Amino acid sequence: MKRAIQLTALAGAAALTLAACGSAPEESTGESTENGAAQSDFTACIVSDEGGFDDKSFNQLSFEGAKKAADELGAQFNEVQSQSETDYQPNVQALVDEGCNAIVAVGFALSADTVESANSNPDIDYILVDDAADNDFDGEADAENVKPLLYNTAEAAFLAGYLAAGYSEAGKVGTFGGQPFPTVTIFMDGFKQGVEHFNEVNDAEVEVIGYAGGEDGAFTGGFAANETAKTTATNILGQGVDVILPVGGPIYQSAIAAIEDSGRDVALIGVDADFYETDPTTQPYVLTSILKKMDVSTYEAVKSSGEGTFDPEPYVGTLENEGVGLAPLHDFEDKVDPELMAEVDELRQQIIDGELEVTSYLDQ
């Protein structure tokens, strides 16, 4: 686990480049809540990374979870978006100055600034999404009032890899990522393991194009939907794949553009959120999505803070606790062999029961 935290912290210290717009904190109150909760003195807050709260996945899910908790608590709610990495420290400080009782920091890129702020403000509860908050690599969070939210998405990605291999008619599936950080490659690692398991149990030879392991793969150098991302996807499609997994926020949009230009029937696998639901433009392409239920874990962490039961112990989402999973097949349900899906469901239970091992950086 120490090695896992080291890798995550190193990723957090790196300059992650996504894309969004900066803004000052916006405030809303819990005067009218769905469950009729009375307005409280508690203030829940959230700061995005550069992806912004309308990224259709990572930041958006965290935002929805925090907002739901604030509404149920009858609490005030403040939000602030980051435009660049230089916004992180002042944005976190702005929320401190606003009197926030709980601050959600979305993304490992905010790790160092979140830890620094937490140590300076021990009375505030901090919730750090996708990072262990261990910037000194000693195996423990660097502040006692930070709750890390982590996700073993390799387990769900394994199922997606097995499904993709069974669905593929070309015998070739592909994946690429934004940058080779552990929270990106964990999807690609699990996906690759799933394909390899399919080959083993079915005596097949489905190839994984675009990723050989670790940092050996196709990466765009960032997380923007741009020509670089489209070119990367086009190069992978050009090798004959008929299922592709783009990992890294908006780069899936570039993958769809590449699919459209190819004129071929290629299925796409989403990450973090159910793309079919969050971005209807993906519906003709999405086979499934690898779910990272940040909305649920963020909701629970903020809710516990507002109720005075905040626990800084790290949370790790797994198949067993339903913190990760696979989205429904939606429009592809009639295109996938029911027997294949039965195998995927059986594999899910085997992973939960410990009969089938899926490795990830979180295990090291």
Foldseek 3Di string as FASTA:
>chain_A
DLLLQQLLLVVLQDFAFAADDWDAKDKDFLCDAPVNAHADAAEEEEEEARCDCLLLFQNVLLVLLSVNLRNVNRYMYIYIYDGGLVVLLVRVVSVVVVVHQEYEYGDSNNLVSQLVVCVVPVRHAYEYEAHQCCNVSPRHHSHQRYAYEHEQLLLQLLLVLLQQCQLWPQLEEEEEEAAQRQVQCSSVQSSVNNVVVNCVVVVGRRYYAADDDRRPGHHQPHQYQDPSLLVSLLVRVVVPHQEYEYTHGPSVVSNVVSVVVVPDRHAYEAEADFCVPSPVVCVSHHQKYKHQNSSNVSNVQSNCSSVVNHDRYYHYHDLQVPNIHIGDRVVCPVSGDPVSVVVSVVSSVCVNVVVDDRDGSVVD
